[in-house]
Amino acid sequence: MELTEPQRKEIGQHFVLGFHGTEISEEALSLIRTYYVGNVIIMRRNVSSLDQLQKLILQLQSAAKTSGHDQPLMIGIDQENGLVSAFSSTHTKTAGTQFPGAMALAATGSLETAQSMTRATAQEMAMCGINWAYSPVADVNSNPLNPVIGVRSFGDDPIKVGHFARAVSDALTESGVAPCAKHFPGHGDTSVDSHHGLPVIDKTLVELESNELVPFRTLVDGKEPVASVMTAHIAMPKALGNDIPASMSSSNIRLLRETLGYDGIIVTDCLEMGAIVDNYGTPKGALESLIAGTDIAMICHTYSRQVDSITATYEAVIDGRLDLAQLDISGRRIRQFKRRFARNWETVLSKKELPSQALLEKHARLSEETYTRAITLLSDPKKTLPLPINSSILLLTPTIQSLNPAVDDQGVLKTKDGVLRNTAGPSYLAMASAASAYCQLNHAVYSKDIIINEESFRDVSAVIFVTRNANQSDWQIKVLQKLMHSLPYDTKVVVLASCGPYDLQASHDIRQRVAYLAAYEFTKPALEAAVGVIFGDHEAQGSLPVQLWDDDVRSASS
């Protein structure tokens, strides 16, 4: 038995695939023309400018139309904002506006700001032809050691996470861009990164109902359910009754469809992540996810794995392991999804006006204001802030580390030989430049292997010590402890948590001597906003979205 062209067209609609380069590649054309792939994910590697991206997407849509696709492509992108901003390329100033991520947004305490900012980023994306954003993150970050979610979450309060996720979802929908809530049934309580292994969350369904599922219920219920949901590569044996990844589990799909009553699009997280590749292989992961009832399987990187996954699906349909009737039911959902957000060929093939300079400047002001409002003063027992202007100050920033593949910018992180560079990184260099406008600055990069020269802090009046997820890399705290032991006791010390706010959670003795601030992300505008607070241009206005310690006052500035 051979599949007919309509059957191959149907199967192609159940995949979202990525490719390499800033121009349409032969592999991308092959996926669209030969395999009728109906959905494409744009990665940071595909973006160099707004104009380039718009031309690329027009070429992709044109290839789909001339290849006989019945409907336009869904063009998706990982645009959570903050550290996961594929649309806001770090390599150029001509891509989309860099806006704050989830935890920074939550620190402003304003749902209205979340919606305004989301409308702005959606407007820019839609002008380029993007019609699907893999956002909002609905995970409740209840584990401070979470290596993959962290500040990508709105916090550790499931109700507040649901409210912010709903605000983002509604704003995307109103702007004509499909939202995608992730990572169902909840990736917040794990200390394993699913990019590298399979996390196991040992919770019962009752426990999930009181925490992880709360934001997803908020997004599914109501007049406007979220248009799509992304499943996680996590095992939940007690809640789902098996040890396989939730993205491949029919129990997980039933939980979402039947228990939560969801009837929208279900898409997997990328099936090239370690949790799938190392345990099952991408083709098996894709096939099993479709058999389980997922609508769309995502494979972001490797052409051979993409083709093997599609052909494995062909074979499964032919031998009856995957029911075409089931695919058709799912296909009707996809067609409805496309009618709503991709609309028609005239819509996707008409060249839209790119964001004007005036619009980008307006969005840049909104971004700057929001970043400034997010900076949170966690403690300042010695009234260290603000630091004096024109004084001699030492800025210490951590050497670049790989955090996780969702966040890492490998072009900056590594040499051609794959070795991590011992550099500050562009965001910390931007912070140093901003601080230099206020003081006589000496900037040094510290690492576990580099001993800070005492000469560098002999005559300074203050030290700004920047951490990045130091609760997961305790060598940073050891460097800080050694530094403070060497400093004169009256030296002012400011500790800035440039990613997760948990860095001094277990360091009560240090907190008694320093001003402790959270910026929630090591993006250039976040660190520049922190500098403004450190030197008194702005007061810290943010409220902490997570619980840190028992005597926690969530806004030390209030």
Protein backbone atom coordinates (compact mmCIF):
# COMPACT_ATOMS: atom_id res chain seq x y z
CA MET A 1 0.00 0.00 0.00
CA GLU A 2 1.21 3.47 -0.88
CA LEU A 3 -0.10 6.68 0.56
CA THR A 4 -1.98 9.02 -1.71
CA GLU A 5 -0.94 12.65 -2.11
CA PRO A 6 -3.88 13.87 0.04
CA GLN A 7 -2.78 11.45 2.77
CA ARG A 8 0.82 12.71 2.63
CA LYS A 9 -0.50 16.27 2.69
CA GLU A 10 -2.50 15.44 5.79
CA ILE A 11 0.51 13.95 7.57
CA GLY A 12 2.65 16.98 6.73
CA GLN A 13 0.23 19.24 8.57
CA HIS A 14 1.03 17.41 11.80
CA PHE A 15 4.66 18.59 11.94
CA VAL A 16 6.34 21.89 12.77
CA LEU A 17 9.95 21.88 11.60
CA GLY A 18 12.92 24.25 11.68
CA PHE A 19 15.86 24.84 9.35
CA HIS A 20 19.20 26.65 9.31
CA GLY A 21 20.19 29.97 7.76
CA THR A 22 18.76 33.42 7.15
CA GLU A 23 17.70 32.45 3.61
CA ILE A 24 15.35 29.69 2.55
CA SER A 25 17.37 26.50 2.26
CA GLU A 26 17.02 23.52 -0.06
CA GLU A 27 16.17 21.41 2.98
CA ALA A 28 13.37 23.81 3.95
CA LEU A 29 12.05 23.73 0.40
CA SER A 30 12.18 19.94 0.42
CA LEU A 31 10.19 19.75 3.65
CA ILE A 32 7.52 22.05 2.22
CA ARG A 33 7.39 20.70 -1.33
CA THR A 34 8.05 16.99 -0.92
CA TYR A 35 6.70 16.32 2.57
CA TYR A 36 4.01 19.04 2.69
CA VAL A 37 5.11 20.22 6.13
CA GLY A 38 2.48 22.73 7.17
CA ASN A 39 4.20 24.54 10.02
CA VAL A 40 7.64 26.14 10.38
CA ILE A 41 9.47 27.33 13.49
CA ILE A 42 11.74 30.37 13.14
CA MET A 43 14.81 30.15 15.37
CA ARG A 44 17.21 32.90 16.42
CA ARG A 45 19.62 31.57 13.79
CA ASN A 46 17.06 32.54 11.09
CA VAL A 47 16.82 36.21 12.13
CA SER A 48 19.23 38.98 11.15
CA SER A 49 16.81 41.87 10.58
CA LEU A 50 13.11 42.60 10.31
CA ASP A 51 13.35 43.14 6.56
CA GLN A 52 15.28 39.89 6.06
CA LEU A 53 12.82 37.95 8.22
CA GLN A 54 9.81 39.29 6.36
CA LYS A 55 11.35 38.30 3.00
CA LEU A 56 12.21 34.84 4.34
CA ILE A 57 8.67 34.22 5.57
CA LEU A 58 7.19 35.43 2.27
CA GLN A 59 9.44 32.92 0.48
CA LEU A 60 8.31 30.11 2.78
CA GLN A 61 4.63 30.93 2.23
CA SER A 62 5.10 31.27 -1.52
CA ALA A 63 6.82 27.86 -1.62
CA ALA A 64 3.86 26.34 0.21
CA LYS A 65 1.33 27.83 -2.18
CA THR A 66 3.17 26.76 -5.34
CA SER A 67 3.63 23.27 -3.86
CA GLY A 68 -0.11 22.76 -3.59
CA HIS A 69 -0.69 23.32 0.12
CA ASP A 70 -4.38 23.88 0.82
CA GLN A 71 -3.70 26.50 3.51
CA PRO A 72 -0.84 28.83 4.42
CA LEU A 73 1.90 27.84 6.83
CA MET A 74 1.77 28.54 10.51
CA ILE A 75 5.03 30.39 11.22
CA GLY A 76 5.96 29.95 14.88
CA ILE A 77 8.72 31.40 17.04
CA ASP A 78 10.02 31.05 20.59
CA GLN A 79 9.28 34.59 21.70
CA GLU A 80 8.69 34.50 25.43
CA ASN A 81 10.62 37.80 25.66
CA GLY A 82 13.38 38.17 28.21
CA LEU A 83 16.08 35.51 27.87
CA VAL A 84 14.10 33.50 25.30
CA SER A 85 13.61 36.00 22.50
CA ALA A 86 14.30 34.47 19.10
CA PHE A 87 12.66 37.45 17.39
CA SER A 88 14.87 39.91 19.27
CA SER A 89 18.22 38.83 17.87
CA THR A 90 21.28 39.56 20.00
CA HIS A 91 23.39 39.91 16.85
CA THR A 92 21.73 43.02 15.45
CA LYS A 93 19.88 46.14 16.52
CA THR A 94 17.55 45.86 13.54
CA ALA A 95 15.52 42.89 14.78
CA GLY A 96 12.53 43.02 17.13
CA THR A 97 12.39 45.01 20.36
CA GLN A 98 13.86 43.34 23.44
CA PHE A 99 11.11 43.21 26.07
CA PRO A 100 11.20 41.85 29.64
CA GLY A 101 10.55 38.16 30.26
CA ALA A 102 7.95 36.57 32.51
CA MET A 103 9.44 36.98 36.00
CA ALA A 104 10.51 40.56 35.30
CA LEU A 105 6.97 41.30 34.08
CA ALA A 106 5.48 39.71 37.18
CA ALA A 107 7.78 41.87 39.31
CA THR A 108 6.02 44.97 37.96
CA GLY A 109 2.78 43.58 39.43
CA SER A 110 0.85 44.95 36.45
CA LEU A 111 -1.32 42.79 34.19
CA GLU A 112 -1.99 45.89 32.08
CA THR A 113 1.75 46.30 31.46
CA ALA A 114 1.99 42.62 30.50
CA GLN A 115 -0.77 43.10 27.95
CA SER A 116 0.63 46.36 26.55
CA MET A 117 4.06 44.86 26.12
CA THR A 118 2.67 41.68 24.54
CA ARG A 119 0.61 43.69 22.06
CA ALA A 120 3.75 45.59 21.10
CA THR A 121 5.86 42.50 20.45
CA ALA A 122 2.94 40.80 18.66
CA GLN A 123 2.51 43.82 16.41
CA GLU A 124 6.17 43.63 15.34
CA MET A 125 6.00 39.88 14.78
CA ALA A 126 2.79 40.06 12.75
CA MET A 127 4.29 42.72 10.48
CA CYS A 128 7.04 40.25 9.59
CA GLY A 129 4.61 37.39 8.96
CA ILE A 130 4.84 35.46 12.22
CA ASN A 131 1.45 34.09 13.29
CA TRP A 132 2.29 31.74 16.17
CA ALA A 133 4.24 32.54 19.37
CA TYR A 134 5.34 29.76 21.73
CA SER A 135 4.30 31.82 24.74
CA PRO A 136 3.19 32.25 27.53
CA VAL A 137 5.13 30.04 29.94
CA ALA A 138 2.50 28.68 32.34
CA ASP A 139 4.94 26.71 34.49
CA VAL A 140 4.93 27.47 38.22
CA ASN A 141 8.59 27.77 39.23
CA SER A 142 8.24 26.11 42.63
CA ASN A 143 11.77 24.67 42.59
CA PRO A 144 14.54 27.31 42.99
CA LEU A 145 17.04 24.82 41.49
CA ASN A 146 15.04 24.50 38.27
CA PRO A 147 17.73 24.68 35.56
CA VAL A 148 15.47 25.25 32.56
CA ILE A 149 12.45 27.36 33.63
CA GLY A 150 13.46 29.77 36.41
CA VAL A 151 12.86 33.38 35.35
CA ARG A 152 10.98 32.18 32.28
CA SER A 153 8.11 31.61 34.75
CA PHE A 154 5.91 34.34 36.21
CA GLY A 155 6.68 33.03 39.70
CA ASP A 156 5.79 30.42 42.29
CA ASP A 157 2.19 31.42 43.01
CA PRO A 158 -0.02 29.34 40.66
CA ILE A 159 -2.91 31.79 40.76
CA LYS A 160 -0.72 34.78 39.85
CA VAL A 161 1.08 32.76 37.20
CA GLY A 162 -2.33 31.96 35.69
CA HIS A 163 -3.38 35.61 35.67
CA PHE A 164 -0.20 36.79 33.94
CA ALA A 165 -0.21 33.91 31.48
CA ARG A 166 -3.83 34.70 30.66
CA ALA A 167 -2.98 38.38 30.11
CA VAL A 168 -0.23 37.45 27.65
CA SER A 169 -2.38 34.85 25.89
CA ASP A 170 -5.29 37.26 25.45
CA ALA A 171 -3.03 40.04 24.14
CA LEU A 172 -1.42 37.75 21.57
CA THR A 173 -4.84 36.51 20.43
CA GLU A 174 -6.23 40.04 20.10
CA SER A 175 -3.19 40.91 17.98
CA GLY A 176 -3.78 38.05 15.55
CA VAL A 177 -0.88 35.90 16.78
CA ALA A 178 -1.69 32.44 18.15
CA PRO A 179 -0.46 31.93 21.74
CA CYS A 180 0.91 28.62 23.00
CA ALA A 181 0.88 27.86 26.73
CA LYS A 182 3.75 25.68 27.90
CA HIS A 183 4.92 23.20 29.19
CA PHE A 184 1.93 20.98 30.06
CA PRO A 185 1.37 19.53 32.61
CA GLY A 186 3.99 21.73 34.30
CA HIS A 187 7.78 21.92 34.19
CA GLY A 188 8.31 24.09 37.28
CA ASP A 189 9.20 21.54 39.96
CA THR A 190 12.25 19.81 38.50
CA SER A 191 16.00 20.03 38.95
CA VAL A 192 16.73 18.25 35.65
CA ASP A 193 16.88 20.04 32.30
CA SER A 194 14.84 18.13 29.71
CA HIS A 195 17.26 19.37 27.04
CA HIS A 196 19.75 16.94 28.57
CA GLY A 197 17.73 14.24 30.37
CA LEU A 198 14.25 13.11 31.37
CA PRO A 199 13.02 14.89 34.52
CA VAL A 200 10.78 12.83 36.81
CA ILE A 201 8.23 14.71 38.92
CA ASP A 202 6.95 12.44 41.67
CA LYS A 203 3.60 14.14 42.28
CA THR A 204 0.09 12.77 42.37
CA LEU A 205 -2.71 14.15 40.24
CA VAL A 206 -4.21 15.73 43.35
CA GLU A 207 -0.93 17.57 43.96
CA LEU A 208 -0.83 18.72 40.33
CA GLU A 209 -4.37 20.03 40.63
CA SER A 210 -3.37 22.36 43.46
CA ASN A 211 -0.30 23.77 41.74
CA GLU A 212 0.91 22.88 38.22
CA LEU A 213 -2.53 22.63 36.60
CA VAL A 214 -3.90 25.88 38.07
CA PRO A 215 -2.46 28.22 35.38
CA PHE A 216 -3.46 25.85 32.58
CA ARG A 217 -7.03 25.74 33.88
CA THR A 218 -7.04 29.54 33.89
CA LEU A 219 -5.90 29.51 30.27
CA VAL A 220 -8.33 26.82 29.13
CA ASP A 221 -11.42 28.11 30.94
CA GLY A 222 -13.41 31.14 29.97
CA LYS A 223 -14.66 32.74 26.79
CA GLU A 224 -11.32 32.62 24.95
CA PRO A 225 -9.34 29.42 25.62
CA VAL A 226 -5.65 29.59 24.70
CA ALA A 227 -5.30 28.58 21.05
CA SER A 228 -2.52 26.02 21.58
CA VAL A 229 -0.73 24.18 24.36
CA MET A 230 2.81 22.72 24.30
CA THR A 231 3.51 19.45 26.11
CA ALA A 232 6.60 18.82 28.24
CA HIS A 233 9.26 16.11 28.09
CA ILE A 234 8.81 15.17 31.74
CA ALA A 235 7.74 11.90 33.38
CA MET A 236 5.01 11.92 36.03
CA PRO A 237 4.56 8.28 37.04
CA LYS A 238 2.15 8.90 39.92
CA ALA A 239 -0.03 11.39 38.08
CA LEU A 240 0.01 9.81 34.59
CA GLY A 241 0.55 6.14 35.47
CA ASN A 242 3.71 5.57 33.41
CA ASP A 243 7.37 6.58 33.11
CA ILE A 244 7.29 7.88 29.55
CA PRO A 245 7.55 11.59 28.72
CA ALA A 246 4.25 13.46 29.01
CA SER A 247 4.67 14.57 25.40
CA MET A 248 4.38 10.92 24.31
CA SER A 249 1.73 9.90 26.86
CA SER A 250 -1.92 9.37 25.97
CA SER A 251 -2.65 9.80 29.69
CA ASN A 252 -1.30 13.33 29.49
CA ILE A 253 -3.35 14.14 26.40
CA ARG A 254 -6.49 12.78 28.11
CA LEU A 255 -5.69 14.90 31.18
CA LEU A 256 -5.65 17.98 28.98
CA ARG A 257 -8.56 17.02 26.71
CA GLU A 258 -10.94 15.33 29.15
CA THR A 259 -10.08 16.56 32.65
CA LEU A 260 -9.37 20.17 31.65
CA GLY A 261 -11.81 20.11 28.73
CA TYR A 262 -9.36 21.52 26.18
CA ASP A 263 -10.19 21.31 22.47
CA GLY A 264 -7.44 23.44 20.91
CA ILE A 265 -4.12 22.56 19.30
CA ILE A 266 -1.64 20.40 21.21
CA VAL A 267 1.99 20.60 20.06
CA THR A 268 5.05 18.89 21.52
CA ASP A 269 8.18 20.61 22.72
CA CYS A 270 11.12 19.99 20.38
CA LEU A 271 11.65 16.26 19.93
CA GLU A 272 15.40 16.69 19.54
CA MET A 273 15.84 17.41 23.23
CA GLY A 274 17.89 14.93 25.24
CA ALA A 275 14.88 13.58 27.14
CA ILE A 276 13.57 12.17 23.83
CA VAL A 277 16.68 11.60 21.69
CA ASP A 278 18.66 9.75 24.35
CA ASN A 279 15.80 7.49 25.42
CA TYR A 280 13.64 6.96 22.33
CA GLY A 281 15.05 8.72 19.30
CA THR A 282 13.28 11.55 17.51
CA PRO A 283 11.28 9.48 14.96
CA LYS A 284 9.83 7.22 17.68
CA GLY A 285 9.13 10.25 19.87
CA ALA A 286 7.27 11.98 17.05
CA LEU A 287 5.26 8.91 16.10
CA GLU A 288 4.33 8.04 19.68
CA SER A 289 3.25 11.62 20.37
CA LEU A 290 0.89 11.53 17.38
CA ILE A 291 -0.46 8.11 18.37
CA ALA A 292 -1.05 9.50 21.87
CA GLY A 293 -3.29 12.19 20.40
CA THR A 294 -0.98 15.19 19.93
CA ASP A 295 -1.88 17.37 16.95
CA ILE A 296 1.59 18.58 15.92
CA ALA A 297 5.09 17.19 16.55
CA MET A 298 7.95 19.71 16.70
CA ILE A 299 11.46 18.95 15.37
CA CYS A 300 13.62 22.07 15.22
CA HIS A 301 17.08 21.28 13.93
CA THR A 302 18.12 18.20 11.97
CA TYR A 303 16.84 17.49 8.47
CA SER A 304 17.55 13.74 8.61
CA ARG A 305 15.59 13.37 11.85
CA GLN A 306 12.74 15.38 10.36
CA VAL A 307 12.53 13.23 7.26
CA ASP A 308 12.90 10.01 9.26
CA SER A 309 10.07 11.10 11.56
CA ILE A 310 7.73 11.84 8.67
CA THR A 311 8.53 8.57 6.89
CA ALA A 312 8.06 6.68 10.17
CA THR A 313 4.61 8.25 10.34
CA TYR A 314 3.90 7.15 6.76
CA GLU A 315 4.80 3.57 7.70
CA ALA A 316 2.66 3.68 10.84
CA VAL A 317 -0.37 4.82 8.85
CA ILE A 318 0.20 2.10 6.27
CA ASP A 319 0.46 -0.71 8.84
CA GLY A 320 -2.38 0.63 10.99
CA ARG A 321 -0.48 1.71 14.10
CA LEU A 322 -1.63 5.29 13.51
CA ASP A 323 -5.27 5.65 12.55
CA LEU A 324 -5.91 8.04 9.64
CA ALA A 325 -9.33 8.77 11.09
CA GLN A 326 -7.64 10.01 14.27
CA LEU A 327 -5.31 12.19 12.18
CA ASP A 328 -8.29 13.60 10.29
CA ILE A 329 -10.01 14.66 13.53
CA SER A 330 -6.78 16.31 14.59
CA GLY A 331 -6.40 17.77 11.11
CA ARG A 332 -9.76 19.51 11.39
CA ARG A 333 -8.46 21.29 14.48
CA ILE A 334 -5.32 22.33 12.59
CA ARG A 335 -7.35 23.61 9.63
CA GLN A 336 -9.54 25.67 11.94
CA PHE A 337 -6.42 26.96 13.71
CA LYS A 338 -4.97 28.05 10.37
CA ARG A 339 -8.17 29.71 9.21
CA ARG A 340 -8.11 31.81 12.33
CA PHE A 341 -4.44 32.81 12.50
CA ALA A 342 -2.88 32.17 9.06
CA ARG A 343 -6.14 33.17 7.38
CA ASN A 344 -5.63 32.89 3.60
CA TRP A 345 -3.05 33.15 0.84
CA GLU A 346 -3.83 36.78 0.11
CA THR A 347 -3.12 37.62 3.75
CA VAL A 348 0.22 35.84 4.01
CA LEU A 349 1.55 36.77 0.57
CA SER A 350 0.84 40.49 0.78
CA LYS A 351 3.93 42.40 1.87
CA LYS A 352 3.11 44.37 4.99
CA GLU A 353 4.66 47.63 6.11
CA LEU A 354 7.57 46.96 8.44
CA PRO A 355 7.66 48.61 11.88
CA SER A 356 8.54 52.27 11.45
CA GLN A 357 11.36 53.93 13.33
CA ALA A 358 8.76 55.88 15.32
CA LEU A 359 6.98 52.66 16.33
CA LEU A 360 10.25 50.97 17.32
CA GLU A 361 11.22 54.01 19.41
CA LYS A 362 7.81 53.91 21.12
CA HIS A 363 8.27 50.23 21.90
CA ALA A 364 11.83 50.85 23.13
CA ARG A 365 10.47 53.40 25.62
CA LEU A 366 7.84 50.94 26.83
CA SER A 367 10.52 48.29 27.23
CA GLU A 368 12.85 50.62 29.15
CA GLU A 369 10.06 51.76 31.47
CA THR A 370 9.02 48.17 32.17
CA TYR A 371 12.57 46.98 32.86
CA THR A 372 13.05 49.89 35.27
CA ARG A 373 9.82 49.08 37.12
CA ALA A 374 10.87 45.43 37.46
CA ILE A 375 14.13 45.98 39.36
CA THR A 376 13.52 44.71 42.88
CA LEU A 377 15.36 45.58 46.08
CA LEU A 378 15.40 42.36 48.09
CA SER A 379 17.28 43.70 51.12
CA ASP A 380 19.46 46.64 52.13
CA PRO A 381 20.01 46.49 55.90
CA LYS A 382 22.94 48.93 55.88
CA LYS A 383 21.20 51.45 53.57
CA THR A 384 23.94 51.01 51.01
CA LEU A 385 21.94 52.39 48.09
CA PRO A 386 22.28 54.57 46.19
CA LEU A 387 25.99 54.43 45.55
CA PRO A 388 27.77 57.81 45.45
CA ILE A 389 28.31 59.43 42.05
CA ASN A 390 31.89 59.90 40.82
CA SER A 391 33.30 57.47 43.36
CA SER A 392 35.76 54.66 42.63
CA ILE A 393 33.85 51.43 42.10
CA LEU A 394 34.79 47.86 41.22
CA LEU A 395 32.30 45.94 39.06
CA LEU A 396 32.70 42.16 39.13
CA THR A 397 30.70 40.10 36.62
CA PRO A 398 30.74 36.31 36.24
CA THR A 399 32.42 34.58 33.36
CA ILE A 400 30.05 33.21 30.75
CA GLN A 401 28.49 29.87 31.58
CA SER A 402 26.18 27.62 29.62
CA LEU A 403 22.76 27.79 31.31
CA ASN A 404 20.49 25.76 29.03
CA PRO A 405 19.90 25.50 25.28
CA ALA A 406 16.67 27.52 25.47
CA VAL A 407 18.63 30.52 26.75
CA ASP A 408 22.21 30.08 25.54
CA ASP A 409 23.51 32.08 22.63
CA GLN A 410 26.15 29.66 21.37
CA GLY A 411 27.60 32.22 18.97
CA VAL A 412 28.70 34.27 21.94
CA LEU A 413 29.34 31.49 24.42
CA LYS A 414 31.84 29.37 22.55
CA THR A 415 34.88 29.56 20.30
CA LYS A 416 34.97 27.70 17.00
CA ASP A 417 36.48 24.79 18.90
CA GLY A 418 33.51 24.69 21.29
CA VAL A 419 35.44 26.08 24.26
CA LEU A 420 33.61 28.46 26.59
CA ARG A 421 35.16 31.91 26.38
CA ASN A 422 36.36 33.57 29.56
CA THR A 423 34.71 36.87 28.72
CA ALA A 424 32.13 39.16 30.21
CA GLY A 425 29.59 38.74 27.45
CA PRO A 426 27.88 41.65 25.67
CA SER A 427 25.21 42.31 28.31
CA TYR A 428 27.72 42.66 31.15
CA LEU A 429 29.91 44.86 28.97
CA ALA A 430 26.87 47.06 28.36
CA MET A 431 26.31 47.19 32.11
CA ALA A 432 29.91 48.29 32.64
CA SER A 433 29.52 50.99 30.00
CA ALA A 434 26.35 52.27 31.68
CA ALA A 435 27.98 52.29 35.13
CA SER A 436 31.00 54.20 33.77
CA ALA A 437 28.76 57.20 33.23
CA TYR A 438 28.25 57.46 37.01
CA CYS A 439 31.63 56.60 38.50
CA GLN A 440 35.28 55.77 38.08
CA LEU A 441 34.80 52.12 37.17
CA ASN A 442 37.13 49.17 37.17
CA HIS A 443 35.44 46.16 35.56
CA ALA A 444 36.78 42.64 36.08
CA VAL A 445 35.46 39.19 35.16
CA TYR A 446 35.58 36.59 37.90
CA SER A 447 35.47 32.81 37.72
CA LYS A 448 36.15 29.86 39.97
CA ASP A 449 39.66 29.66 38.49
CA ILE A 450 40.59 33.35 38.56
CA ILE A 451 41.73 34.89 41.86
CA ILE A 452 40.67 38.51 42.17
CA ASN A 453 43.74 40.71 42.51
CA GLU A 454 43.59 42.63 45.80
CA GLU A 455 45.03 45.65 44.00
CA SER A 456 41.76 45.93 42.06
CA PHE A 457 39.76 46.73 45.21
CA ARG A 458 42.35 48.34 47.44
CA ASP A 459 41.11 51.93 47.01
CA VAL A 460 37.49 51.42 45.93
CA SER A 461 34.59 52.86 47.90
CA ALA A 462 32.11 50.25 46.67
CA VAL A 463 31.88 46.91 44.91
CA ILE A 464 29.06 45.81 42.60
CA PHE A 465 29.14 42.01 42.54
CA VAL A 466 26.95 40.44 39.86
CA THR A 467 25.75 36.85 40.19
CA ARG A 468 24.02 34.59 37.69
CA ASN A 469 22.09 31.64 39.16
CA ALA A 470 24.64 31.37 41.95
CA ASN A 471 22.33 29.04 43.88
CA GLN A 472 23.10 26.50 41.14
CA SER A 473 26.77 27.50 40.81
CA ASP A 474 27.93 27.99 44.37
CA TRP A 475 31.47 28.89 43.32
CA GLN A 476 30.12 32.40 42.79
CA ILE A 477 29.13 32.62 46.46
CA LYS A 478 32.55 31.30 47.48
CA VAL A 479 34.21 34.05 45.43
CA LEU A 480 31.91 36.62 47.06
CA GLN A 481 32.64 35.32 50.56
CA LYS A 482 36.39 35.49 49.94
CA LEU A 483 36.06 38.99 48.54
CA MET A 484 34.07 40.26 51.51
CA HIS A 485 36.56 38.72 53.91
CA SER A 486 39.30 40.73 52.18
CA LEU A 487 37.42 44.04 51.87
CA PRO A 488 37.56 46.74 54.53
CA TYR A 489 34.39 46.35 56.58
CA ASP A 490 33.05 49.79 55.65
CA THR A 491 33.27 49.12 51.88
CA LYS A 492 29.83 49.32 50.35
CA VAL A 493 28.79 46.12 48.55
CA VAL A 494 25.89 45.70 46.14
CA VAL A 495 24.97 42.19 44.96
CA LEU A 496 22.92 42.07 41.77
CA ALA A 497 21.20 38.76 40.92
CA SER A 498 21.22 38.98 37.13
CA CYS A 499 19.05 35.91 36.53
CA GLY A 500 17.10 33.98 39.17
CA PRO A 501 16.56 35.97 42.39
CA TYR A 502 17.50 32.98 44.57
CA ASP A 503 21.27 33.57 44.71
CA LEU A 504 21.59 34.73 48.35
CA GLN A 505 18.67 32.63 49.58
CA ALA A 506 20.94 30.53 51.80
CA SER A 507 23.48 33.28 52.60
CA HIS A 508 22.02 35.08 55.61
CA ASP A 509 25.43 36.37 56.73
CA ILE A 510 26.10 38.03 53.36
CA ARG A 511 22.62 39.57 53.22
CA GLN A 512 23.34 41.37 56.48
CA ARG A 513 26.19 43.32 54.87
CA VAL A 514 25.04 44.06 51.32
CA ALA A 515 22.36 45.67 49.24
CA TYR A 516 20.72 42.83 47.30
CA LEU A 517 18.92 43.53 44.03
CA ALA A 518 17.21 41.35 41.41
CA ALA A 519 17.16 42.16 37.68
CA TYR A 520 15.61 38.78 36.66
CA GLU A 521 17.57 38.50 33.42
CA PHE A 522 21.01 39.29 32.05
CA THR A 523 19.74 41.17 29.02
CA LYS A 524 21.31 44.52 28.17
CA PRO A 525 18.26 46.65 29.08
CA ALA A 526 17.68 44.80 32.36
CA LEU A 527 21.25 45.35 33.52
CA GLU A 528 21.20 48.99 32.40
CA ALA A 529 17.99 49.52 34.38
CA ALA A 530 19.68 47.98 37.43
CA VAL A 531 22.55 50.45 37.08
CA GLY A 532 20.07 53.32 37.14
CA VAL A 533 18.65 52.03 40.42
CA ILE A 534 22.08 51.40 41.95
CA PHE A 535 23.12 55.00 41.37
CA GLY A 536 19.82 56.58 42.36
CA ASP A 537 18.33 57.65 39.05
CA HIS A 538 15.32 55.49 39.90
CA GLU A 539 13.98 53.81 42.99
CA ALA A 540 13.54 50.04 42.95
CA GLN A 541 9.82 49.47 42.37
CA GLY A 542 9.60 45.74 41.73
CA SER A 543 7.87 43.17 43.93
CA LEU A 544 9.38 39.71 44.27
CA PRO A 545 7.30 37.05 42.43
CA VAL A 546 8.73 34.13 44.45
CA GLN A 547 9.22 33.27 48.13
CA LEU A 548 12.86 33.43 49.19
CA TRP A 549 13.08 33.22 52.96
CA ASP A 550 10.75 32.98 55.93
CA ASP A 551 10.95 36.65 56.83
CA ASP A 552 10.52 37.60 53.21
CA VAL A 553 9.11 41.05 52.51
CA ARG A 554 8.27 40.78 48.82
CA SER A 555 9.11 44.39 48.08
CA ALA A 556 11.93 45.73 50.21
CA SER A 557 11.47 49.13 48.59
CA SER A 558 7.91 49.50 49.87
